[in-house]
Amino acid sequence: DDDCDESCRFIFAMILLLFTPFVIYWNEYQHAKITELYAAAQQTVLDIDDPSQPTYDCDQSLVCFGGKVEGGETLTDEAFPTIKANNALLLSREIEILQYVQRE
């Protein structure tokens, strides 16, 4: 029984030794991707000091500011008028269509 324990431990240790570098590489790759995305976002995001007085054209741009955000009007969906959002800046719609097929 001790032989199996020793050999099982050895095999487990070898698997860990072989597998660990791949896990470390994957983790570092994910970190590098996030860092690159963050750096790109810092270059494209417009920083607004006073949200009530934007100094440049912010349409279709990513903006960054601090403070309380208040939506001006109640947003409604054109296709589904019963759906409303109070105090919101954006209302988006995602639709998923599923079809049931009965086979005999």
N, C-alpha and C. Protein backbone atom coordinates (compact mmCIF):
# COMPACT_ATOMS: atom_id res chain seq x y z
N ASP A 1 0.81 -1.20 0.00
CA ASP A 1 0.00 0.00 0.00
C ASP A 1 0.85 1.26 0.00
N ASP A 2 1.98 1.25 0.72
CA ASP A 2 2.85 2.42 0.75
C ASP A 2 3.42 2.69 -0.62
N ASP A 3 3.66 1.63 -1.40
CA ASP A 3 4.18 1.80 -2.77
C ASP A 3 3.20 2.59 -3.63
N CYS A 4 1.92 2.25 -3.51
CA CYS A 4 0.90 2.98 -4.28
C CYS A 4 0.80 4.43 -3.81
N ASP A 5 0.88 4.64 -2.51
CA ASP A 5 0.83 6.00 -1.99
C ASP A 5 2.00 6.83 -2.51
N GLU A 6 3.19 6.23 -2.47
CA GLU A 6 4.39 6.94 -2.94
C GLU A 6 4.29 7.22 -4.44
N SER A 7 3.88 6.22 -5.21
CA SER A 7 3.80 6.41 -6.66
C SER A 7 2.66 7.37 -7.02
N CYS A 8 1.57 7.30 -6.29
CA CYS A 8 0.45 8.22 -6.56
C CYS A 8 0.86 9.65 -6.25
N ARG A 9 1.59 9.85 -5.16
CA ARG A 9 2.08 11.18 -4.83
C ARG A 9 3.05 11.70 -5.88
N PHE A 10 3.91 10.82 -6.34
CA PHE A 10 4.88 11.21 -7.36
C PHE A 10 4.17 11.61 -8.66
N ILE A 11 3.20 10.82 -9.08
CA ILE A 11 2.45 11.12 -10.32
C ILE A 11 1.69 12.44 -10.15
N PHE A 12 1.07 12.63 -9.00
CA PHE A 12 0.34 13.87 -8.74
C PHE A 12 1.29 15.07 -8.76
N ALA A 13 2.45 14.93 -8.17
CA ALA A 13 3.44 16.01 -8.17
C ALA A 13 3.91 16.32 -9.59
N MET A 14 4.12 15.31 -10.40
CA MET A 14 4.56 15.53 -11.78
C MET A 14 3.46 16.22 -12.60
N ILE A 15 2.23 15.83 -12.37
CA ILE A 15 1.11 16.49 -13.08
C ILE A 15 1.06 17.96 -12.68
N LEU A 16 1.21 18.25 -11.39
CA LEU A 16 1.23 19.64 -10.94
C LEU A 16 2.39 20.42 -11.54
N LEU A 17 3.56 19.80 -11.59
CA LEU A 17 4.72 20.47 -12.16
C LEU A 17 4.53 20.78 -13.64
N LEU A 18 3.88 19.89 -14.36
CA LEU A 18 3.65 20.11 -15.78
C LEU A 18 2.50 21.08 -16.03
N PHE A 19 1.50 21.08 -15.18
CA PHE A 19 0.30 21.87 -15.40
C PHE A 19 0.43 23.31 -14.91
N THR A 20 1.21 23.52 -13.85
CA THR A 20 1.34 24.84 -13.24
C THR A 20 1.83 25.92 -14.20
N PRO A 21 2.85 25.70 -15.02
CA PRO A 21 3.28 26.78 -15.93
C PRO A 21 2.18 27.24 -16.89
N PHE A 22 1.34 26.32 -17.33
CA PHE A 22 0.25 26.70 -18.23
C PHE A 22 -0.78 27.56 -17.51
N VAL A 23 -1.07 27.24 -16.26
CA VAL A 23 -2.01 28.04 -15.48
C VAL A 23 -1.44 29.43 -15.23
N ILE A 24 -0.15 29.50 -14.91
CA ILE A 24 0.48 30.80 -14.68
C ILE A 24 0.49 31.60 -15.97
N TYR A 25 0.80 30.98 -17.11
CA TYR A 25 0.79 31.68 -18.40
C TYR A 25 -0.60 32.22 -18.70
N TRP A 26 -1.64 31.40 -18.51
CA TRP A 26 -3.01 31.82 -18.79
C TRP A 26 -3.38 33.01 -17.91
N ASN A 27 -3.02 32.95 -16.63
CA ASN A 27 -3.33 34.04 -15.72
C ASN A 27 -2.63 35.33 -16.15
N GLU A 28 -1.36 35.24 -16.50
CA GLU A 28 -0.62 36.43 -16.93
C GLU A 28 -1.18 36.97 -18.26
N TYR A 29 -1.60 36.08 -19.14
CA TYR A 29 -2.19 36.51 -20.41
C TYR A 29 -3.49 37.28 -20.17
N GLN A 30 -4.31 36.78 -19.26
CA GLN A 30 -5.56 37.47 -18.93
C GLN A 30 -5.27 38.84 -18.32
N HIS A 31 -4.29 38.92 -17.46
CA HIS A 31 -3.92 40.19 -16.85
C HIS A 31 -3.41 41.18 -17.90
N ALA A 32 -2.62 40.69 -18.85
CA ALA A 32 -2.10 41.56 -19.91
C ALA A 32 -3.23 42.07 -20.79
N LYS A 33 -4.23 41.23 -21.09
CA LYS A 33 -5.37 41.68 -21.89
C LYS A 33 -6.16 42.77 -21.17
N ILE A 34 -6.40 42.59 -19.88
CA ILE A 34 -7.15 43.58 -19.11
C ILE A 34 -6.37 44.88 -19.01
N THR A 35 -5.06 44.78 -18.81
CA THR A 35 -4.23 45.98 -18.73
C THR A 35 -4.24 46.74 -20.05
N GLU A 36 -4.17 46.02 -21.16
CA GLU A 36 -4.21 46.65 -22.48
C GLU A 36 -5.57 47.31 -22.73
N LEU A 37 -6.64 46.65 -22.33
CA LEU A 37 -7.98 47.22 -22.48
C LEU A 37 -8.13 48.47 -21.62
N TYR A 38 -7.62 48.45 -20.42
CA TYR A 38 -7.69 49.61 -19.53
C TYR A 38 -6.89 50.79 -20.10
N ALA A 39 -5.72 50.50 -20.66
CA ALA A 39 -4.90 51.57 -21.25
C ALA A 39 -5.61 52.17 -22.46
N ALA A 40 -6.25 51.33 -23.29
CA ALA A 40 -6.99 51.84 -24.45
C ALA A 40 -8.18 52.67 -24.00
N ALA A 41 -8.85 52.25 -22.94
CA ALA A 41 -10.00 53.01 -22.43
C ALA A 41 -9.57 54.36 -21.90
N GLN A 42 -8.41 54.43 -21.24
CA GLN A 42 -7.93 55.70 -20.72
C GLN A 42 -7.66 56.69 -21.85
N GLN A 43 -7.28 56.20 -23.02
CA GLN A 43 -6.99 57.08 -24.14
C GLN A 43 -8.26 57.57 -24.83
N THR A 44 -9.33 56.79 -24.80
CA THR A 44 -10.53 57.14 -25.54
C THR A 44 -11.62 57.80 -24.69
N VAL A 45 -11.59 57.61 -23.39
CA VAL A 45 -12.64 58.15 -22.52
C VAL A 45 -12.41 59.64 -22.29
N LEU A 46 -13.50 60.41 -22.41
CA LEU A 46 -13.44 61.85 -22.16
C LEU A 46 -13.71 62.10 -20.68
N ASP A 47 -12.81 62.79 -20.02
CA ASP A 47 -12.97 63.09 -18.60
C ASP A 47 -13.68 64.44 -18.46
N ILE A 48 -14.81 64.44 -17.76
CA ILE A 48 -15.61 65.65 -17.60
C ILE A 48 -15.53 66.07 -16.14
N ASP A 49 -15.05 67.29 -15.90
CA ASP A 49 -14.93 67.79 -14.53
C ASP A 49 -16.28 68.18 -13.95
N ASP A 50 -17.10 68.89 -14.74
CA ASP A 50 -18.42 69.33 -14.28
C ASP A 50 -19.48 68.75 -15.20
N PRO A 51 -20.20 67.71 -14.77
CA PRO A 51 -21.17 67.06 -15.66
C PRO A 51 -22.32 67.96 -16.08
N SER A 52 -22.60 69.01 -15.31
CA SER A 52 -23.69 69.91 -15.69
C SER A 52 -23.27 70.86 -16.80
N GLN A 53 -21.98 71.04 -17.01
CA GLN A 53 -21.45 71.93 -18.05
C GLN A 53 -20.39 71.21 -18.88
N PRO A 54 -20.78 70.25 -19.74
CA PRO A 54 -19.76 69.58 -20.56
C PRO A 54 -19.09 70.58 -21.50
N THR A 55 -17.78 70.48 -21.60
CA THR A 55 -17.03 71.47 -22.38
C THR A 55 -16.81 71.04 -23.82
N TYR A 56 -17.02 69.79 -24.14
CA TYR A 56 -16.84 69.35 -25.52
C TYR A 56 -18.00 68.47 -25.94
N ASP A 57 -18.02 68.18 -27.22
CA ASP A 57 -19.10 67.37 -27.78
C ASP A 57 -18.97 65.94 -27.26
N CYS A 58 -19.94 65.50 -26.50
CA CYS A 58 -19.87 64.18 -25.88
C CYS A 58 -20.75 63.14 -26.58
N ASP A 59 -21.44 63.52 -27.64
CA ASP A 59 -22.30 62.56 -28.33
C ASP A 59 -21.47 61.42 -28.90
N GLN A 60 -21.94 60.22 -28.71
CA GLN A 60 -21.31 59.00 -29.22
C GLN A 60 -19.90 58.81 -28.65
N SER A 61 -19.65 59.29 -27.45
CA SER A 61 -18.34 59.15 -26.81
C SER A 61 -18.50 58.52 -25.43
N LEU A 62 -17.46 57.85 -24.98
CA LEU A 62 -17.42 57.36 -23.61
C LEU A 62 -16.98 58.50 -22.72
N VAL A 63 -17.68 58.71 -21.63
CA VAL A 63 -17.34 59.80 -20.73
C VAL A 63 -17.13 59.27 -19.32
N CYS A 64 -16.37 60.01 -18.54
CA CYS A 64 -16.09 59.66 -17.15
C CYS A 64 -16.32 60.91 -16.31
N PHE A 65 -17.17 60.80 -15.29
CA PHE A 65 -17.39 61.91 -14.38
C PHE A 65 -17.89 61.35 -13.06
N GLY A 66 -17.83 62.16 -12.04
CA GLY A 66 -18.30 61.74 -10.72
C GLY A 66 -19.53 62.52 -10.32
N GLY A 67 -20.29 61.97 -9.41
CA GLY A 67 -21.47 62.65 -8.92
C GLY A 67 -22.73 61.85 -9.17
N LYS A 68 -23.85 62.46 -8.88
CA LYS A 68 -25.14 61.80 -9.05
C LYS A 68 -25.64 62.00 -10.47
N VAL A 69 -26.13 60.92 -11.07
CA VAL A 69 -26.66 60.97 -12.42
C VAL A 69 -28.18 60.95 -12.34
N GLU A 70 -28.81 61.90 -13.01
CA GLU A 70 -30.27 61.94 -13.03
C GLU A 70 -30.74 61.98 -14.47
N GLY A 71 -31.67 61.11 -14.79
CA GLY A 71 -32.28 61.12 -16.12
C GLY A 71 -33.35 62.18 -16.18
N GLY A 72 -33.52 62.79 -17.33
CA GLY A 72 -34.47 63.88 -17.45
C GLY A 72 -35.91 63.42 -17.56
N GLU A 73 -36.17 62.43 -18.36
CA GLU A 73 -37.55 62.03 -18.62
C GLU A 73 -37.69 60.52 -18.47
N THR A 74 -38.92 60.06 -18.43
CA THR A 74 -39.18 58.63 -18.38
C THR A 74 -38.96 58.03 -19.76
N LEU A 75 -38.14 56.99 -19.82
CA LEU A 75 -37.85 56.34 -21.09
C LEU A 75 -38.84 55.20 -21.32
N THR A 76 -39.33 55.09 -22.54
CA THR A 76 -40.23 54.01 -22.90
C THR A 76 -39.71 53.32 -24.15
N ASP A 77 -40.04 52.06 -24.27
CA ASP A 77 -39.64 51.27 -25.43
C ASP A 77 -40.69 51.45 -26.52
N GLU A 78 -40.25 51.74 -27.73
CA GLU A 78 -41.19 51.96 -28.84
C GLU A 78 -41.97 50.69 -29.17
N ALA A 79 -41.32 49.53 -29.12
CA ALA A 79 -41.99 48.28 -29.48
C ALA A 79 -42.87 47.77 -28.34
N PHE A 80 -42.49 48.05 -27.11
CA PHE A 80 -43.24 47.60 -25.95
C PHE A 80 -43.52 48.82 -25.06
N PRO A 81 -44.58 49.58 -25.33
CA PRO A 81 -44.83 50.83 -24.60
C PRO A 81 -45.10 50.65 -23.11
N THR A 82 -45.41 49.45 -22.66
CA THR A 82 -45.66 49.24 -21.24
C THR A 82 -44.36 49.21 -20.43
N ILE A 83 -43.25 49.05 -21.11
CA ILE A 83 -41.95 49.03 -20.43
C ILE A 83 -41.45 50.46 -20.31
N LYS A 84 -41.25 50.90 -19.07
CA LYS A 84 -40.82 52.27 -18.81
C LYS A 84 -39.69 52.25 -17.79
N ALA A 85 -38.80 53.24 -17.89
CA ALA A 85 -37.69 53.37 -16.94
C ALA A 85 -37.62 54.81 -16.46
N ASN A 86 -37.81 55.01 -15.17
CA ASN A 86 -37.71 56.35 -14.58
C ASN A 86 -36.27 56.60 -14.16
N ASN A 87 -35.85 57.85 -14.27
CA ASN A 87 -34.51 58.28 -13.84
C ASN A 87 -33.42 57.42 -14.47
N ALA A 88 -33.52 57.21 -15.77
CA ALA A 88 -32.55 56.39 -16.51
C ALA A 88 -31.96 57.21 -17.64
N LEU A 89 -30.77 56.84 -18.06
CA LEU A 89 -30.11 57.51 -19.17
C LEU A 89 -30.26 56.74 -20.47
N LEU A 90 -30.41 55.42 -20.39
CA LEU A 90 -30.45 54.59 -21.58
C LEU A 90 -31.37 53.41 -21.33
N LEU A 91 -32.14 53.06 -22.32
CA LEU A 91 -32.98 51.88 -22.28
C LEU A 91 -32.64 51.06 -23.51
N SER A 92 -32.15 49.86 -23.31
CA SER A 92 -31.79 49.01 -24.45
C SER A 92 -32.63 47.75 -24.42
N ARG A 93 -32.76 47.14 -25.59
CA ARG A 93 -33.61 45.96 -25.74
C ARG A 93 -32.79 44.83 -26.35
N GLU A 94 -32.89 43.65 -25.74
CA GLU A 94 -32.31 42.44 -26.30
C GLU A 94 -33.43 41.45 -26.50
N ILE A 95 -33.47 40.85 -27.66
CA ILE A 95 -34.54 39.91 -27.98
C ILE A 95 -33.91 38.57 -28.34
N GLU A 96 -34.47 37.52 -27.79
CA GLU A 96 -34.03 36.17 -28.10
C GLU A 96 -35.26 35.40 -28.58
N ILE A 97 -35.16 34.83 -29.74
CA ILE A 97 -36.29 34.09 -30.32
C ILE A 97 -35.98 32.60 -30.23
N LEU A 98 -36.90 31.87 -29.65
CA LEU A 98 -36.77 30.42 -29.50
C LEU A 98 -37.94 29.75 -30.21
N GLN A 99 -37.69 28.61 -30.76
CA GLN A 99 -38.75 27.88 -31.45
C GLN A 99 -38.82 26.47 -30.87
N TYR A 100 -40.03 26.07 -30.54
CA TYR A 100 -40.26 24.73 -30.03
C TYR A 100 -40.60 23.82 -31.18
N VAL A 101 -39.87 22.73 -31.30
CA VAL A 101 -40.14 21.76 -32.37
C VAL A 101 -40.51 20.45 -31.71
N GLN A 102 -41.71 19.95 -32.05
CA GLN A 102 -42.16 18.68 -31.49
C GLN A 102 -41.93 17.59 -32.52
N ARG A 103 -41.19 16.58 -32.10
CA ARG A 103 -40.92 15.45 -32.99
C ARG A 103 -41.63 14.22 -32.47
N GLU A 104 -42.17 13.47 -33.37
CA GLU A 104 -42.91 12.26 -32.93
C GLU A 104 -42.16 11.02 -33.33
